[in-house]
C-alpha atoms as a PDB file:
ATOM      1  CA  UNK A   1     -62.784 -19.641   1.354  1.00  0.00           C
ATOM      2  CA  UNK A   2     -63.447 -16.773  -1.054  1.00  0.00           C
ATOM      3  CA  UNK A   3     -63.143 -14.267   1.776  1.00  0.00           C
ATOM      4  CA  UNK A   4     -59.650 -15.590   2.716  1.00  0.00           C
ATOM      5  CA  UNK A   5     -58.367 -15.401  -0.875  1.00  0.00           C
ATOM      6  CA  UNK A   6     -59.806 -11.902  -1.356  1.00  0.00           C
ATOM      7  CA  UNK A   7     -58.237 -10.812   1.959  1.00  0.00           C
ATOM      8  CA  UNK A   8     -54.769 -12.095   0.926  1.00  0.00           C
ATOM      9  CA  UNK A   9     -54.997 -10.463  -2.529  1.00  0.00           C
ATOM     10  CA  UNK A  10     -56.153  -7.191  -0.943  1.00  0.00           C
ATOM     11  CA  UNK A  11     -53.263  -7.299   1.585  1.00  0.00           C
ATOM     12  CA  UNK A  12     -50.703  -7.841  -1.202  1.00  0.00           C
ATOM     13  CA  UNK A  13     -52.158  -5.004  -3.274  1.00  0.00           C
ATOM     14  CA  UNK A  14     -52.200  -2.760  -0.204  1.00  0.00           C
ATOM     15  CA  UNK A  15     -48.499  -3.479   0.615  1.00  0.00           C
ATOM     16  CA  UNK A  16     -47.378  -2.967  -3.001  1.00  0.00           C
ATOM     17  CA  UNK A  17     -49.459   0.197  -3.270  1.00  0.00           C
ATOM     18  CA  UNK A  18     -47.993   1.693  -0.088  1.00  0.00           C
ATOM     19  CA  UNK A  19     -44.497   0.817  -1.341  1.00  0.00           C
ATOM     20  CA  UNK A  20     -45.088   2.649  -4.643  1.00  0.00           C
ATOM     21  CA  UNK A  21     -46.612   5.669  -2.895  1.00  0.00           C
ATOM     22  CA  UNK A  22     -43.625   5.990  -0.514  1.00  0.00           C
ATOM     23  CA  UNK A  23     -41.215   5.738  -3.472  1.00  0.00           C
ATOM     24  CA  UNK A  24     -42.969   8.689  -5.106  1.00  0.00           C
ATOM     25  CA  UNK A  25     -43.071  10.745  -1.902  1.00  0.00           C
ATOM     26  CA  UNK A  26     -39.492  10.029  -0.823  1.00  0.00           C
ATOM     27  CA  UNK A  27     -37.729   9.951  -4.206  1.00  0.00           C
ATOM     28  CA  UNK A  28     -33.907   9.937  -4.012  1.00  0.00           C
ATOM     29  CA  UNK A  29     -31.767  10.377  -7.114  1.00  0.00           C
ATOM     30  CA  UNK A  30     -28.854   8.009  -7.541  1.00  0.00           C
ATOM     31  CA  UNK A  31     -25.422   9.586  -7.328  1.00  0.00           C
ATOM     32  CA  UNK A  32     -23.451   9.813 -10.571  1.00  0.00           C
ATOM     33  CA  UNK A  33     -20.270   8.640  -8.833  1.00  0.00           C
ATOM     34  CA  UNK A  34     -19.829   6.263  -5.943  1.00  0.00           C
ATOM     35  CA  UNK A  35     -19.017   8.000  -2.660  1.00  0.00           C
ATOM     36  CA  UNK A  36     -16.196   5.536  -2.011  1.00  0.00           C
ATOM     37  CA  UNK A  37     -13.868   5.225  -4.952  1.00  0.00           C
ATOM     38  CA  UNK A  38     -10.685   3.193  -5.056  1.00  0.00           C
ATOM     39  CA  UNK A  39      -8.249   4.667  -7.534  1.00  0.00           C
ATOM     40  CA  UNK A  40      -4.896   3.217  -8.599  1.00  0.00           C
ATOM     41  CA  UNK A  41      -4.678   0.481  -5.999  1.00  0.00           C
ATOM     42  CA  UNK A  42      -1.874  -1.378  -7.750  1.00  0.00           C
ATOM     43  CA  UNK A  43       0.082   1.804  -8.437  1.00  0.00           C
ATOM     44  CA  UNK A  44      -0.050   2.883  -4.801  1.00  0.00           C
ATOM     45  CA  UNK A  45       1.007  -0.539  -3.567  1.00  0.00           C
ATOM     46  CA  UNK A  46       3.912  -0.813  -5.992  1.00  0.00           C
ATOM     47  CA  UNK A  47       5.044   2.730  -5.188  1.00  0.00           C
ATOM     48  CA  UNK A  48       5.011   1.982  -1.464  1.00  0.00           C
ATOM     49  CA  UNK A  49       6.960  -1.228  -2.035  1.00  0.00           C
ATOM     50  CA  UNK A  50       9.534   0.592  -4.156  1.00  0.00           C
ATOM     51  CA  UNK A  51       9.974   3.336  -1.554  1.00  0.00           C
ATOM     52  CA  UNK A  52      10.353   0.807   1.264  1.00  0.00           C
ATOM     53  CA  UNK A  53      12.914  -1.266  -0.593  1.00  0.00           C
ATOM     54  CA  UNK A  54      14.949   1.786  -1.634  1.00  0.00           C
ATOM     55  CA  UNK A  55      14.859   3.177   1.911  1.00  0.00           C
ATOM     56  CA  UNK A  56      15.953  -0.093   3.482  1.00  0.00           C
ATOM     57  CA  UNK A  57      18.697  -0.586   0.907  1.00  0.00           C
ATOM     58  CA  UNK A  58      20.400   2.745   1.570  1.00  0.00           C
ATOM     59  CA  UNK A  59      20.155   3.447   5.287  1.00  0.00           C
ATOM     60  CA  UNK A  60      23.376   5.468   5.283  1.00  0.00           C
ATOM     61  CA  UNK A  61      21.791   8.101   3.019  1.00  0.00           C
ATOM     62  CA  UNK A  62      19.063   8.618   5.630  1.00  0.00           C
ATOM     63  CA  UNK A  63      21.574   9.476   8.373  1.00  0.00           C
ATOM     64  CA  UNK A  64      21.730  13.054   7.061  1.00  0.00           C
ATOM     65  CA  UNK A  65      17.979  13.541   7.574  1.00  0.00           C
ATOM     66  CA  UNK A  66      17.849  12.396  11.210  1.00  0.00           C
ATOM     67  CA  UNK A  67      19.853  12.484  14.418  1.00  0.00           C
ATOM     68  CA  UNK A  68      20.856  10.386  17.393  1.00  0.00           C
ATOM     69  CA  UNK A  69      18.629  12.621  19.533  1.00  0.00           C
ATOM     70  CA  UNK A  70      15.639  11.471  17.490  1.00  0.00           C
ATOM     71  CA  UNK A  71      16.926   7.929  17.908  1.00  0.00           C
ATOM     72  CA  UNK A  72      16.960   8.301  21.701  1.00  0.00           C
ATOM     73  CA  UNK A  73      13.232   9.070  21.622  1.00  0.00           C
ATOM     74  CA  UNK A  74      12.476   6.120  19.353  1.00  0.00           C
ATOM     75  CA  UNK A  75      14.770   3.819  21.358  1.00  0.00           C
ATOM     76  CA  UNK A  76      12.333   4.078  24.280  1.00  0.00           C
ATOM     77  CA  UNK A  77      10.389   1.316  22.517  1.00  0.00           C
ATOM     78  CA  UNK A  78      13.504  -0.849  22.724  1.00  0.00           C
ATOM     79  CA  UNK A  79      14.373   0.096  26.321  1.00  0.00           C
ATOM     80  CA  UNK A  80      11.596  -2.105  27.669  1.00  0.00           C
ATOM     81  CA  UNK A  81      13.689  -5.152  26.729  1.00  0.00           C
ATOM     82  CA  UNK A  82      17.245  -3.832  26.140  1.00  0.00           C
ATOM     83  CA  UNK A  83      19.718  -1.673  28.044  1.00  0.00           C
ATOM     84  CA  UNK A  84      22.124   0.485  26.063  1.00  0.00           C
ATOM     85  CA  UNK A  85      24.209   1.969  28.880  1.00  0.00           C
ATOM     86  CA  UNK A  86      27.839   0.973  29.182  1.00  0.00           C
ATOM     87  CA  UNK A  87      27.960  -1.841  31.705  1.00  0.00           C
ATOM     88  CA  UNK A  88      24.184  -2.200  31.544  1.00  0.00           C
ATOM     89  CA  UNK A  89      23.007  -5.729  32.085  1.00  0.00           C
ATOM     90  CA  UNK A  90      20.801  -7.909  29.990  1.00  0.00           C
ATOM     91  CA  UNK A  91      17.063  -7.623  30.356  1.00  0.00           C
ATOM     92  CA  UNK A  92      14.574  -9.684  28.364  1.00  0.00           C
ATOM     93  CA  UNK A  93      16.909  -8.975  25.444  1.00  0.00           C
ATOM     94  CA  UNK A  94      20.703  -8.633  25.475  1.00  0.00           C
ATOM     95  CA  UNK A  95      22.503  -5.412  26.400  1.00  0.00           C
ATOM     96  CA  UNK A  96      23.112  -3.291  23.296  1.00  0.00           C
ATOM     97  CA  UNK A  97      26.252  -1.385  24.298  1.00  0.00           C
ATOM     98  CA  UNK A  98      28.781  -2.045  21.489  1.00  0.00           C
ATOM     99  CA  UNK A  99      26.129  -3.851  19.412  1.00  0.00           C
ATOM    100  CA  UNK A 100      27.139  -2.307  16.068  1.00  0.00           C
ATOM    101  CA  UNK A 101      30.318  -3.890  14.772  1.00  0.00           C
ATOM    102  CA  UNK A 102      30.068  -7.067  16.844  1.00  0.00           C
ATOM    103  CA  UNK A 103      28.919 -10.494  15.747  1.00  0.00           C
ATOM    104  CA  UNK A 104      25.219 -11.284  16.185  1.00  0.00           C
ATOM    105  CA  UNK A 105      24.465 -13.554  19.122  1.00  0.00           C
ATOM    106  CA  UNK A 106      27.812 -12.984  20.837  1.00  0.00           C
ATOM    107  CA  UNK A 107      26.961 -11.558  24.294  1.00  0.00           C
ATOM    108  CA  UNK A 108      28.414 -14.285  26.506  1.00  0.00           C
ATOM    109  CA  UNK A 109      25.987 -14.058  29.432  1.00  0.00           C
ATOM    110  CA  UNK A 110      22.780 -13.999  27.365  1.00  0.00           C
ATOM    111  CA  UNK A 111      20.865 -17.062  26.161  1.00  0.00           C
ATOM    112  CA  UNK A 112      20.048 -16.417  22.500  1.00  0.00           C
ATOM    113  CA  UNK A 113      17.636 -18.351  20.323  1.00  0.00           C
ATOM    114  CA  UNK A 114      19.297 -21.032  18.235  1.00  0.00           C
ATOM    115  CA  UNK A 115      18.652 -18.979  15.083  1.00  0.00           C
ATOM    116  CA  UNK A 116      20.388 -15.883  16.471  1.00  0.00           C
ATOM    117  CA  UNK A 117      23.282 -17.826  17.978  1.00  0.00           C
ATOM    118  CA  UNK A 118      24.052 -19.448  14.619  1.00  0.00           C
ATOM    119  CA  UNK A 119      23.394 -16.343  12.494  1.00  0.00           C
ATOM    120  CA  UNK A 120      27.064 -15.381  12.561  1.00  0.00           C
ATOM    121  CA  UNK A 121      26.949 -12.035  10.741  1.00  0.00           C
ATOM    122  CA  UNK A 122      28.384  -8.785  12.081  1.00  0.00           C
ATOM    123  CA  UNK A 123      25.926  -5.988  12.913  1.00  0.00           C
ATOM    124  CA  UNK A 124      26.560  -3.397  10.203  1.00  0.00           C
ATOM    125  CA  UNK A 125      24.262  -0.457   9.467  1.00  0.00           C
ATOM    126  CA  UNK A 126      22.521  -2.373   6.671  1.00  0.00           C
ATOM    127  CA  UNK A 127      22.255  -5.574   8.695  1.00  0.00           C
ATOM    128  CA  UNK A 128      20.773  -3.729  11.679  1.00  0.00           C
ATOM    129  CA  UNK A 129      18.350  -1.829   9.438  1.00  0.00           C
ATOM    130  CA  UNK A 130      17.093  -5.042   7.874  1.00  0.00           C
ATOM    131  CA  UNK A 131      16.714  -6.679  11.267  1.00  0.00           C
ATOM    132  CA  UNK A 132      14.879  -3.705  12.776  1.00  0.00           C
ATOM    133  CA  UNK A 133      12.455  -3.624   9.835  1.00  0.00           C
ATOM    134  CA  UNK A 134      10.936  -6.936  10.932  1.00  0.00           C
ATOM    135  CA  UNK A 135      13.131  -9.152  13.131  1.00  0.00           C
ATOM    136  CA  UNK A 136      11.141 -12.368  12.647  1.00  0.00           C
ATOM    137  CA  UNK A 137      11.470 -12.080   8.846  1.00  0.00           C
ATOM    138  CA  UNK A 138      15.160 -11.115   8.870  1.00  0.00           C
ATOM    139  CA  UNK A 139      16.276 -13.965  11.146  1.00  0.00           C
ATOM    140  CA  UNK A 140      13.796 -16.822  10.988  1.00  0.00           C
ATOM    141  CA  UNK A 141      13.406 -18.381  14.418  1.00  0.00           C
ATOM    142  CA  UNK A 142      14.555 -15.420  16.518  1.00  0.00           C
ATOM    143  CA  UNK A 143      12.778 -15.082  19.839  1.00  0.00           C
ATOM    144  CA  UNK A 144      12.633 -11.279  19.548  1.00  0.00           C
ATOM    145  CA  UNK A 145       8.919 -10.509  19.475  1.00  0.00           C
ATOM    146  CA  UNK A 146       9.194  -6.846  18.415  1.00  0.00           C
ATOM    147  CA  UNK A 147       7.129  -6.166  15.269  1.00  0.00           C
ATOM    148  CA  UNK A 148       9.731  -3.829  13.800  1.00  0.00           C
ATOM    149  CA  UNK A 149      10.210  -0.221  12.708  1.00  0.00           C
ATOM    150  CA  UNK A 150       8.581   0.245   9.310  1.00  0.00           C
ATOM    151  CA  UNK A 151       9.750   3.852   8.882  1.00  0.00           C
ATOM    152  CA  UNK A 152      13.294   3.891   7.459  1.00  0.00           C
ATOM    153  CA  UNK A 153      14.012   7.312   8.983  1.00  0.00           C
ATOM    154  CA  UNK A 154      13.136   5.943  12.447  1.00  0.00           C
ATOM    155  CA  UNK A 155      15.458   2.980  11.873  1.00  0.00           C
ATOM    156  CA  UNK A 156      18.245   5.332  10.795  1.00  0.00           C
ATOM    157  CA  UNK A 157      17.757   7.446  13.935  1.00  0.00           C
ATOM    158  CA  UNK A 158      17.891   4.389  16.213  1.00  0.00           C
ATOM    159  CA  UNK A 159      20.996   3.097  14.440  1.00  0.00           C
ATOM    160  CA  UNK A 160      22.713   6.486  14.869  1.00  0.00           C
ATOM    161  CA  UNK A 161      21.798   6.391  18.556  1.00  0.00           C
ATOM    162  CA  UNK A 162      23.166   2.861  18.898  1.00  0.00           C
ATOM    163  CA  UNK A 163      26.339   3.885  17.043  1.00  0.00           C
ATOM    164  CA  UNK A 164      26.956   6.580  19.675  1.00  0.00           C
ATOM    165  CA  UNK A 165      26.654   3.970  22.431  1.00  0.00           C
ATOM    166  CA  UNK A 166      29.772   1.994  21.688  1.00  0.00           C
ATOM    167  CA  UNK A 167      33.461   2.126  22.466  1.00  0.00           C
ATOM    168  CA  UNK A 168      34.323   2.352  18.762  1.00  0.00           C
ATOM    169  CA  UNK A 169      31.560   3.871  16.585  1.00  0.00           C
ATOM    170  CA  UNK A 170      31.385   2.714  12.975  1.00  0.00           C
ATOM    171  CA  UNK A 171      32.255   5.387  10.371  1.00  0.00           C
ATOM    172  CA  UNK A 172      29.132   7.010   8.872  1.00  0.00           C
ATOM    173  CA  UNK A 173      30.363   7.001   5.263  1.00  0.00           C
END
């Protein structure tokens, strides 16, 4: 019995001793600062929120910084579900020729969600910008599954492109 107890005590001393010796041999100083620092989290979030809300509120001001040509490139995301050509038919989503200036949910040969059909507003620049930001949040219950265009300049470009694809473009002022 004494041999077992002495063996266990010796093993514990041996493990602790090796641990201390390795700490001395491989000593590493602690860094003064953490390598990963998070600075001004709330300030950055509130600044981003302010910029997003100001950009979405004044889409017309962004028209000067973009073009319909840029919008044509961005519209390729939309072209998977929508046609924009005059006389173009509906796809998964309704045809978007003459979309700006018409009432939401008013293409006669397209089956809209109940939410879109009863929405009743006219597609203005601001209305379209809000919808394109995040469709499911703008019109609750819409069946449009697109996640949205977060960048206000991209939305402005797409809206300019859509405004060129109509019989009567809305004035840009």
